PDB file of N, CA and C in Angstrom:
ATOM      1  N   MET A   1     -68.840-130.779 346.709  1.00  0.00           N
ATOM      2  CA  MET A   1     -69.304-130.315 345.430  1.00  0.00           C
ATOM      3  C   MET A   1     -69.602-128.816 345.545  1.00  0.00           C
ATOM      4  N   SER A   2     -69.050-128.021 344.653  1.00  0.00           N
ATOM      5  CA  SER A   2     -69.252-126.584 344.726  1.00  0.00           C
ATOM      6  C   SER A   2     -70.659-126.213 344.271  1.00  0.00           C
ATOM      7  N   LYS A   3     -71.156-125.127 344.799  1.00  0.00           N
ATOM      8  CA  LYS A   3     -72.507-124.674 344.490  1.00  0.00           C
ATOM      9  C   LYS A   3     -72.445-123.532 343.484  1.00  0.00           C
ATOM     10  N   VAL A   4     -71.905-123.844 342.283  1.00  0.00           N
ATOM     11  CA  VAL A   4     -71.754-122.857 341.231  1.00  0.00           C
ATOM     12  C   VAL A   4     -72.335-123.434 339.944  1.00  0.00           C
ATOM     13  N   CYS A   5     -73.170-122.657 339.266  1.00  0.00           N
ATOM     14  CA  CYS A   5     -73.734-123.072 337.986  1.00  0.00           C
ATOM     15  C   CYS A   5     -72.622-123.091 336.937  1.00  0.00           C
ATOM     16  N   GLN A   6     -72.521-124.183 336.195  1.00  0.00           N
ATOM     17  CA  GLN A   6     -71.455-124.315 335.207  1.00  0.00           C
ATOM     18  C   GLN A   6     -71.650-123.396 334.008  1.00  0.00           C
ATOM     19  N   LEU A   7     -72.870-122.968 333.749  1.00  0.00           N
ATOM     20  CA  LEU A   7     -73.117-122.147 332.563  1.00  0.00           C
ATOM     21  C   LEU A   7     -73.234-120.664 332.883  1.00  0.00           C
ATOM     22  N   THR A   8     -73.981-120.308 333.911  1.00  0.00           N
ATOM     23  CA  THR A   8     -74.179-118.888 334.193  1.00  0.00           C
ATOM     24  C   THR A   8     -73.184-118.348 335.207  1.00  0.00           C
ATOM     25  N   GLY A   9     -72.567-119.227 335.999  1.00  0.00           N
ATOM     26  CA  GLY A   9     -71.629-118.778 337.019  1.00  0.00           C
ATOM     27  C   GLY A   9     -72.304-118.302 338.291  1.00  0.00           C
ATOM     28  N   LYS A  10     -73.614-118.560 338.425  1.00  0.00           N
ATOM     29  CA  LYS A  10     -74.307-118.169 339.652  1.00  0.00           C
ATOM     30  C   LYS A  10     -73.705-118.914 340.827  1.00  0.00           C
ATOM     31  N   ARG A  11     -73.521-118.198 341.956  1.00  0.00           N
ATOM     32  CA  ARG A  11     -72.935-118.795 343.150  1.00  0.00           C
ATOM     33  C   ARG A  11     -73.653-118.265 344.381  1.00  0.00           C
ATOM     34  N   PRO A  12     -73.427-118.860 345.560  1.00  0.00           N
ATOM     35  CA  PRO A  12     -74.111-118.379 346.752  1.00  0.00           C
ATOM     36  C   PRO A  12     -73.757-116.923 347.073  1.00  0.00           C
ATOM     37  N   ILE A  13     -74.745-116.208 347.613  1.00  0.00           N
ATOM     38  CA  ILE A  13     -74.506-114.853 348.087  1.00  0.00           C
ATOM     39  C   ILE A  13     -74.898-114.807 349.563  1.00  0.00           C
ATOM     40  N   THR A  14     -74.428-113.787 350.278  1.00  0.00           N
ATOM     41  CA  THR A  14     -74.731-113.685 351.699  1.00  0.00           C
ATOM     42  C   THR A  14     -75.695-112.540 351.942  1.00  0.00           C
ATOM     43  N   GLY A  15     -76.399-112.659 353.048  1.00  0.00           N
ATOM     44  CA  GLY A  15     -77.343-111.628 353.443  1.00  0.00           C
ATOM     45  C   GLY A  15     -77.732-111.841 354.883  1.00  0.00           C
ATOM     46  N   ASN A  16     -78.812-111.248 355.285  1.00  0.00           N
ATOM     47  CA  ASN A  16     -79.272-111.347 356.664  1.00  0.00           C
ATOM     48  C   ASN A  16     -80.666-111.940 356.729  1.00  0.00           C
ATOM     49  N   THR A  17     -80.897-112.765 357.754  1.00  0.00           N
ATOM     50  CA  THR A  17     -82.243-113.133 358.146  1.00  0.00           C
ATOM     51  C   THR A  17     -82.665-112.083 359.164  1.00  0.00           C
ATOM     52  N   VAL A  18     -83.764-111.402 358.902  1.00  0.00           N
ATOM     53  CA  VAL A  18     -84.211-110.330 359.789  1.00  0.00           C
ATOM     54  C   VAL A  18     -85.483-110.786 360.490  1.00  0.00           C
ATOM     55  N   SER A  19     -85.432-110.822 361.814  1.00  0.00           N
ATOM     56  CA  SER A  19     -86.579-111.261 362.595  1.00  0.00           C
ATOM     57  C   SER A  19     -87.578-110.120 362.757  1.00  0.00           C
ATOM     58  N   HIS A  20     -88.694-110.430 363.396  1.00  0.00           N
ATOM     59  CA  HIS A  20     -89.727-109.414 363.646  1.00  0.00           C
ATOM     60  C   HIS A  20     -89.189-108.297 364.553  1.00  0.00           C
ATOM     61  N   SER A  21     -88.291-108.665 365.477  1.00  0.00           N
ATOM     62  CA  SER A  21     -87.710-107.659 366.369  1.00  0.00           C
ATOM     63  C   SER A  21     -86.508-106.954 365.733  1.00  0.00           C
ATOM     64  N   ASN A  22     -86.272-107.209 364.464  1.00  0.00           N
ATOM     65  CA  ASN A  22     -85.226-106.583 363.652  1.00  0.00           C
ATOM     66  C   ASN A  22     -83.811-107.049 364.022  1.00  0.00           C
ATOM     67  N   ARG A  23     -83.694-108.250 364.631  1.00  0.00           N
ATOM     68  CA  ARG A  23     -82.376-108.849 364.832  1.00  0.00           C
ATOM     69  C   ARG A  23     -81.891-109.361 363.488  1.00  0.00           C
ATOM     70  N   LYS A  24     -80.609-109.254 363.244  1.00  0.00           N
ATOM     71  CA  LYS A  24     -80.045-109.690 361.967  1.00  0.00           C
ATOM     72  C   LYS A  24     -79.063-110.829 362.206  1.00  0.00           C
ATOM     73  N   ILE A  25     -79.253-111.919 361.463  1.00  0.00           N
ATOM     74  CA  ILE A  25     -78.396-113.104 361.557  1.00  0.00           C
ATOM     75  C   ILE A  25     -77.912-113.424 360.154  1.00  0.00           C
ATOM     76  N   LYS A  26     -76.608-113.609 360.002  1.00  0.00           N
ATOM     77  CA  LYS A  26     -76.046-113.895 358.681  1.00  0.00           C
ATOM     78  C   LYS A  26     -76.572-115.217 358.136  1.00  0.00           C
ATOM     79  N   ARG A  27     -76.798-115.263 356.836  1.00  0.00           N
ATOM     80  CA  ARG A  27     -77.228-116.478 356.164  1.00  0.00           C
ATOM     81  C   ARG A  27     -76.720-116.474 354.734  1.00  0.00           C
ATOM     82  N   ARG A  28     -76.852-117.604 354.056  1.00  0.00           N
ATOM     83  CA  ARG A  28     -76.442-117.733 352.658  1.00  0.00           C
ATOM     84  C   ARG A  28     -77.671-117.997 351.794  1.00  0.00           C
ATOM     85  N   PHE A  29     -77.712-117.347 350.644  1.00  0.00           N
ATOM     86  CA  PHE A  29     -78.743-117.619 349.648  1.00  0.00           C
ATOM     87  C   PHE A  29     -78.095-118.500 348.582  1.00  0.00           C
ATOM     88  N   LEU A  30     -78.565-119.749 348.467  1.00  0.00           N
ATOM     89  CA  LEU A  30     -77.973-120.702 347.539  1.00  0.00           C
ATOM     90  C   LEU A  30     -78.725-120.688 346.210  1.00  0.00           C
ATOM     91  N   PRO A  31     -78.026-120.844 345.091  1.00  0.00           N
ATOM     92  CA  PRO A  31     -78.712-120.923 343.797  1.00  0.00           C
ATOM     93  C   PRO A  31     -79.456-122.255 343.673  1.00  0.00           C
ATOM     94  N   ASN A  32     -80.487-122.264 342.866  1.00  0.00           N
ATOM     95  CA  ASN A  32     -81.286-123.474 342.649  1.00  0.00           C
ATOM     96  C   ASN A  32     -80.585-124.332 341.599  1.00  0.00           C
ATOM     97  N   LEU A  33     -79.627-125.159 342.032  1.00  0.00           N
ATOM     98  CA  LEU A  33     -78.829-125.971 341.115  1.00  0.00           C
ATOM     99  C   LEU A  33     -79.405-127.374 340.984  1.00  0.00           C
ATOM    100  N   GLN A  34     -79.358-127.881 339.769  1.00  0.00           N
ATOM    101  CA  GLN A  34     -79.802-129.235 339.467  1.00  0.00           C
ATOM    102  C   GLN A  34     -78.747-129.905 338.598  1.00  0.00           C
ATOM    103  N   LYS A  35     -78.529-131.191 338.826  1.00  0.00           N
ATOM    104  CA  LYS A  35     -77.619-131.959 337.978  1.00  0.00           C
ATOM    105  C   LYS A  35     -78.472-132.591 336.886  1.00  0.00           C
ATOM    106  N   LYS A  36     -78.157-132.298 335.629  1.00  0.00           N
ATOM    107  CA  LYS A  36     -79.020-132.711 334.529  1.00  0.00           C
ATOM    108  C   LYS A  36     -78.205-133.135 333.324  1.00  0.00           C
ATOM    109  N   ARG A  37     -78.692-134.150 332.626  1.00  0.00           N
ATOM    110  CA  ARG A  37     -78.065-134.597 331.387  1.00  0.00           C
ATOM    111  C   ARG A  37     -78.768-133.926 330.213  1.00  0.00           C
ATOM    112  N   PHE A  38     -77.971-133.402 329.291  1.00  0.00           N
ATOM    113  CA  PHE A  38     -78.514-132.768 328.091  1.00  0.00           C
ATOM    114  C   PHE A  38     -77.988-133.502 326.862  1.00  0.00           C
ATOM    115  N   TYR A  39     -78.851-133.666 325.879  1.00  0.00           N
ATOM    116  CA  TYR A  39     -78.433-134.255 324.608  1.00  0.00           C
ATOM    117  C   TYR A  39     -78.051-133.135 323.659  1.00  0.00           C
ATOM    118  N   VAL A  40     -76.885-133.265 323.028  1.00  0.00           N
ATOM    119  CA  VAL A  40     -76.396-132.257 322.085  1.00  0.00           C
ATOM    120  C   VAL A  40     -76.488-132.864 320.689  1.00  0.00           C
ATOM    121  N   PRO A  41     -77.552-132.545 319.921  1.00  0.00           N
ATOM    122  CA  PRO A  41     -77.714-133.175 318.609  1.00  0.00           C
ATOM    123  C   PRO A  41     -76.632-132.764 317.615  1.00  0.00           C
ATOM    124  N   GLU A  42     -76.045-131.569 317.777  1.00  0.00           N
ATOM    125  CA  GLU A  42     -75.001-131.123 316.857  1.00  0.00           C
ATOM    126  C   GLU A  42     -73.763-132.016 316.943  1.00  0.00           C
ATOM    127  N   LYS A  43     -73.489-132.537 318.134  1.00  0.00           N
ATOM    128  CA  LYS A  43     -72.316-133.389 318.356  1.00  0.00           C
ATOM    129  C   LYS A  43     -72.689-134.850 318.594  1.00  0.00           C
ATOM    130  N   ASP A  44     -73.996-135.161 318.659  1.00  0.00           N
ATOM    131  CA  ASP A  44     -74.509-136.509 318.889  1.00  0.00           C
ATOM    132  C   ASP A  44     -73.938-137.105 320.178  1.00  0.00           C
ATOM    133  N   THR A  45     -73.936-136.312 321.270  1.00  0.00           N
ATOM    134  CA  THR A  45     -73.430-136.768 322.562  1.00  0.00           C
ATOM    135  C   THR A  45     -74.354-136.301 323.680  1.00  0.00           C
ATOM    136  N   TRP A  46     -74.168-136.906 324.851  1.00  0.00           N
ATOM    137  CA  TRP A  46     -74.847-136.495 326.067  1.00  0.00           C
ATOM    138  C   TRP A  46     -73.848-135.781 326.952  1.00  0.00           C
ATOM    139  N   VAL A  47     -74.292-134.718 327.623  1.00  0.00           N
ATOM    140  CA  VAL A  47     -73.436-133.940 328.519  1.00  0.00           C
ATOM    141  C   VAL A  47     -74.167-133.807 329.852  1.00  0.00           C
ATOM    142  N   THR A  48     -73.464-134.079 330.965  1.00  0.00           N
ATOM    143  CA  THR A  48     -74.027-133.884 332.292  1.00  0.00           C
ATOM    144  C   THR A  48     -73.504-132.574 332.846  1.00  0.00           C
ATOM    145  N   LEU A  49     -74.431-131.694 333.228  1.00  0.00           N
ATOM    146  CA  LEU A  49     -74.067-130.378 333.738  1.00  0.00           C
ATOM    147  C   LEU A  49     -74.791-130.104 335.049  1.00  0.00           C
ATOM    148  N   LYS A  50     -74.178-129.281 335.889  1.00  0.00           N
ATOM    149  CA  LYS A  50     -74.831-128.784 337.098  1.00  0.00           C
ATOM    150  C   LYS A  50     -75.243-127.345 336.798  1.00  0.00           C
ATOM    151  N   VAL A  51     -76.536-127.140 336.558  1.00  0.00           N
ATOM    152  CA  VAL A  51     -77.017-125.847 336.087  1.00  0.00           C
ATOM    153  C   VAL A  51     -78.127-125.320 336.988  1.00  0.00           C
ATOM    154  N   SER A  52     -78.312-124.012 336.955  1.00  0.00           N
ATOM    155  CA  SER A  52     -79.394-123.374 337.702  1.00  0.00           C
ATOM    156  C   SER A  52     -80.703-123.532 336.929  1.00  0.00           C
ATOM    157  N   ALA A  53     -81.801-123.330 337.633  1.00  0.00           N
ATOM    158  CA  ALA A  53     -83.115-123.436 337.006  1.00  0.00           C
ATOM    159  C   ALA A  53     -83.272-122.385 335.908  1.00  0.00           C
ATOM    160  N   ALA A  54     -82.696-121.205 336.105  1.00  0.00           N
ATOM    161  CA  ALA A  54     -82.770-120.150 335.092  1.00  0.00           C
ATOM    162  C   ALA A  54     -82.031-120.571 333.817  1.00  0.00           C
ATOM    163  N   ALA A  55     -80.885-121.234 333.976  1.00  0.00           N
ATOM    164  CA  ALA A  55     -80.137-121.700 332.810  1.00  0.00           C
ATOM    165  C   ALA A  55     -80.908-122.793 332.079  1.00  0.00           C
ATOM    166  N   MET A  56     -81.611-123.651 332.825  1.00  0.00           N
ATOM    167  CA  MET A  56     -82.410-124.705 332.181  1.00  0.00           C
ATOM    168  C   MET A  56     -83.515-124.124 331.316  1.00  0.00           C
ATOM    169  N   ARG A  57     -84.146-123.041 331.797  1.00  0.00           N
ATOM    170  CA  ARG A  57     -85.192-122.409 330.990  1.00  0.00           C
ATOM    171  C   ARG A  57     -84.603-121.826 329.707  1.00  0.00           C
ATOM    172  N   SER A  58     -83.421-121.232 329.805  1.00  0.00           N
ATOM    173  CA  SER A  58     -82.780-120.667 328.621  1.00  0.00           C
ATOM    174  C   SER A  58     -82.371-121.764 327.651  1.00  0.00           C
ATOM    175  N   ILE A  59     -81.899-122.893 328.180  1.00  0.00           N
ATOM    176  CA  ILE A  59     -81.511-124.025 327.333  1.00  0.00           C
ATOM    177  C   ILE A  59     -82.728-124.585 326.611  1.00  0.00           C
ATOM    178  N   ASP A  60     -83.878-124.614 327.276  1.00  0.00           N
ATOM    179  CA  ASP A  60     -85.106-125.077 326.627  1.00  0.00           C
ATOM    180  C   ASP A  60     -85.459-124.199 325.429  1.00  0.00           C
ATOM    181  N   LYS A  61     -85.176-122.909 325.544  1.00  0.00           N
ATOM    182  CA  LYS A  61     -85.508-121.987 324.455  1.00  0.00           C
ATOM    183  C   LYS A  61     -84.547-122.099 323.285  1.00  0.00           C
ATOM    184  N   MET A  62     -83.229-122.130 323.562  1.00  0.00           N
ATOM    185  CA  MET A  62     -82.256-122.045 322.472  1.00  0.00           C
ATOM    186  C   MET A  62     -81.477-123.322 322.197  1.00  0.00           C
ATOM    187  N   GLY A  63     -81.464-124.254 323.101  1.00  0.00           N
ATOM    188  CA  GLY A  63     -80.669-125.466 322.929  1.00  0.00           C
ATOM    189  C   GLY A  63     -79.339-125.327 323.659  1.00  0.00           C
ATOM    190  N   VAL A  64     -78.820-126.454 324.132  1.00  0.00           N
ATOM    191  CA  VAL A  64     -77.633-126.421 324.983  1.00  0.00           C
ATOM    192  C   VAL A  64     -76.391-125.979 324.211  1.00  0.00           C
ATOM    193  N   TYR A  65     -76.231-126.425 322.976  1.00  0.00           N
ATOM    194  CA  TYR A  65     -75.027-126.096 322.205  1.00  0.00           C
ATOM    195  C   TYR A  65     -74.958-124.600 321.922  1.00  0.00           C
ATOM    196  N   GLU A  66     -76.068-124.034 321.471  1.00  0.00           N
ATOM    197  CA  GLU A  66     -76.101-122.599 321.158  1.00  0.00           C
ATOM    198  C   GLU A  66     -75.955-121.758 322.429  1.00  0.00           C
ATOM    199  N   TYR A  67     -76.542-122.223 323.550  1.00  0.00           N
ATOM    200  CA  TYR A  67     -76.446-121.479 324.807  1.00  0.00           C
ATOM    201  C   TYR A  67     -75.009-121.438 325.314  1.00  0.00           C
ATOM    202  N   VAL A  68     -74.290-122.554 325.225  1.00  0.00           N
ATOM    203  CA  VAL A  68     -72.886-122.589 325.657  1.00  0.00           C
ATOM    204  C   VAL A  68     -72.043-121.662 324.777  1.00  0.00           C
ATOM    205  N   GLN A  69     -72.287-121.678 323.476  1.00  0.00           N
ATOM    206  CA  GLN A  69     -71.548-120.775 322.577  1.00  0.00           C
ATOM    207  C   GLN A  69     -71.832-119.317 322.915  1.00  0.00           C
ATOM    208  N   LYS A  70     -73.084-118.991 323.228  1.00  0.00           N
ATOM    209  CA  LYS A  70     -73.453-117.616 323.577  1.00  0.00           C
ATOM    210  C   LYS A  70     -72.723-117.161 324.839  1.00  0.00           C
ATOM    211  N   MET A  71     -72.658-118.036 325.858  1.00  0.00           N
ATOM    212  CA  MET A  71     -71.996-117.680 327.105  1.00  0.00           C
ATOM    213  C   MET A  71     -70.494-117.498 326.887  1.00  0.00           C
ATOM    214  N   GLU A  72     -69.884-118.301 326.033  1.00  0.00           N
ATOM    215  CA  GLU A  72     -68.454-118.155 325.754  1.00  0.00           C
ATOM    216  C   GLU A  72     -68.167-116.885 324.956  1.00  0.00           C
ATOM    217  N   ARG A  73     -69.117-116.479 324.087  1.00  0.00           N
ATOM    218  CA  ARG A  73     -68.949-115.202 323.376  1.00  0.00           C
ATOM    219  C   ARG A  73     -69.002-114.034 324.351  1.00  0.00           C
ATOM    220  N   LYS A  74     -69.797-114.165 325.423  1.00  0.00           N
ATOM    221  CA  LYS A  74     -69.882-113.122 326.441  1.00  0.00           C
ATOM    222  C   LYS A  74     -68.632-113.064 327.304  1.00  0.00           C
ATOM    223  N   GLY A  75     -67.810-114.110 327.244  1.00  0.00           N
ATOM    224  CA  GLY A  75     -66.584-114.117 328.025  1.00  0.00           C
ATOM    225  C   GLY A  75     -66.671-114.982 329.269  1.00  0.00           C
ATOM    226  N   ILE A  76     -67.742-115.745 329.425  1.00  0.00           N
ATOM    227  CA  ILE A  76     -67.865-116.634 330.583  1.00  0.00           C
ATOM    228  C   ILE A  76     -67.327-117.995 330.186  1.00  0.00           C
ATOM    229  N   ASN A  77     -66.281-118.440 330.888  1.00  0.00           N
ATOM    230  CA  ASN A  77     -65.670-119.723 330.591  1.00  0.00           C
ATOM    231  C   ASN A  77     -66.522-120.820 331.220  1.00  0.00           C
ATOM    232  N   THR A  78     -67.235-121.599 330.391  1.00  0.00           N
ATOM    233  CA  THR A  78     -68.122-122.627 330.900  1.00  0.00           C
ATOM    234  C   THR A  78     -67.379-123.916 331.212  1.00  0.00           C
ATOM    235  N   GLY A  79     -66.293-124.174 330.540  1.00  0.00           N
ATOM    236  CA  GLY A  79     -65.534-125.399 330.778  1.00  0.00           C
ATOM    237  C   GLY A  79     -66.219-126.645 330.238  1.00  0.00           C
ATOM    238  N   VAL A  80     -67.216-126.469 329.384  1.00  0.00           N
ATOM    239  CA  VAL A  80     -67.961-127.605 328.828  1.00  0.00           C
ATOM    240  C   VAL A  80     -67.257-128.058 327.544  1.00  0.00           C
ATOM    241  N   LYS A  81     -66.951-129.346 327.513  1.00  0.00           N
ATOM    242  CA  LYS A  81     -66.301-129.925 326.332  1.00  0.00           C
ATOM    243  C   LYS A  81     -67.295-130.859 325.647  1.00  0.00           C
ATOM    244  N   PHE A  82     -67.531-130.634 324.361  1.00  0.00           N
ATOM    245  CA  PHE A  82     -68.436-131.503 323.603  1.00  0.00           C
ATOM    246  C   PHE A  82     -67.653-132.522 322.837  1.00  0.00           C
TER     247      PHE A  82
END
């Protein structure tokens, strides 16, 4: 299963773990992804999405249908079919 948010497109990034002695070891920073079901009242359906915690907060504010439309207007292909 890929570690990419379906709505925002957030994906893992790389960086270094730096010890007290300043040794650097490569590591990955993973996004906080959750698999969640959302109800879309405009279409009267349920949709299961793998979204980041930041996207969930935005969905709480505006609703899942409007948030997906906003992301598609920005040019981010969400791939969500209602």
